Amino acid sequence: MDYFLHILVIMTVYTTLAVSLDLLAGHTGLLSIAHAAFYGIGAYCSAILAVSFGLGFMLSTVCGILMAALVSFVVSFPSLRLHDDYFVIATFGFQFILFSIFNNWMGVTRGPLGIPGIPEPVIFSWKVDSHIEFLAFGSAFAALAIIVANRLSSSPFGRVLRTIREDEVLARSLGKNTLYFKVAVFAVSAALAASAGCLYAHYITYIDPTSFSMMESILVISMVIIGGAGSKWGPVIGAVVLVILPEALRFIGMPSSVAANMRQVFYGALFVIMMMFRPRGLVGKYGFER
């Protein structure tokens, strides 16, 4: 029972990540490969503040979210002036830089040794220490991310984002400062990703750089594309599919060492199939086939 609850908790983390990336990729048309970096910023910032400075979960999480938003501002101004493939390459470089920092800054992140002993969340007098409590807690994070994304999408701000996605020149001709809107949505997306990182760190109680690698970014991109970019429930469906289905490998008698590699094969095969036959995803409104 605990195993299934654990899978559901991880699903809430990835749902938050997928929804946050969809704001950027699905609604604005900006495909970022740096999402795991912001996920990691939230996790590391929250973990370091909690372990080294004794900050509580709520304060360390707020700091992690603000740090990710601040870093996104620094990164976004040069990178968002680029278009299409050049923007993707810029975010690739940022992901590589952040992963190198996580992996080599021994004095702060402890490098490949990771950070152990991260305390479980305590909200006022409530200590979240069971799987069912973490599931409720993670569901609240995911629900908040979905609400924020849907509210932004249905607002005038969201309509401008979709105009930028379809025709940025048209958006500029209507008097919209497109750079401002892209920087703003980039910051919101990074902040939501960081919140997922904070939740993950305090749930697992240990983090190391492997959880925030390029493969993690590609996994989240796959969730958005397979579920359907730019739709209300597409990222949620993508997260559910790519968390649950690979776990079936555990029940067919495959050795764990082989199952780990087969999981990557499964992700890649499903991604290729969807891009070939349904590039808009299962319920998507916007595809990356253009």
Foldseek 3Di string as FASTA:
>chain_A
DQVVLVLLLVLLLLLLLLLLQLLQCQLQVQQALQLLLLLQQLQLQLQQCCVVVVDALVVSNVVSLVVLLVVLLVLLPVLVVDDDPSSRVSNVVVNVVSLCCLQPVCVRQVHQVWRAQRAAHQDPNDGQDGSVSSSVVSNVLSVVSLVVSVVCCPDPLSVLSNCNNVPVVVSVVVVDPVSVSSSVSSSSSSSSSSSSSSSVCNRVRIDGSVSRHSVVSVLSVLLCQQQFRNDSCSSSVSSCCLSPVLCVVVVPPDDPVVSVVVSVVVSVVSSVVCVVPPQRHDDYDDGPPD
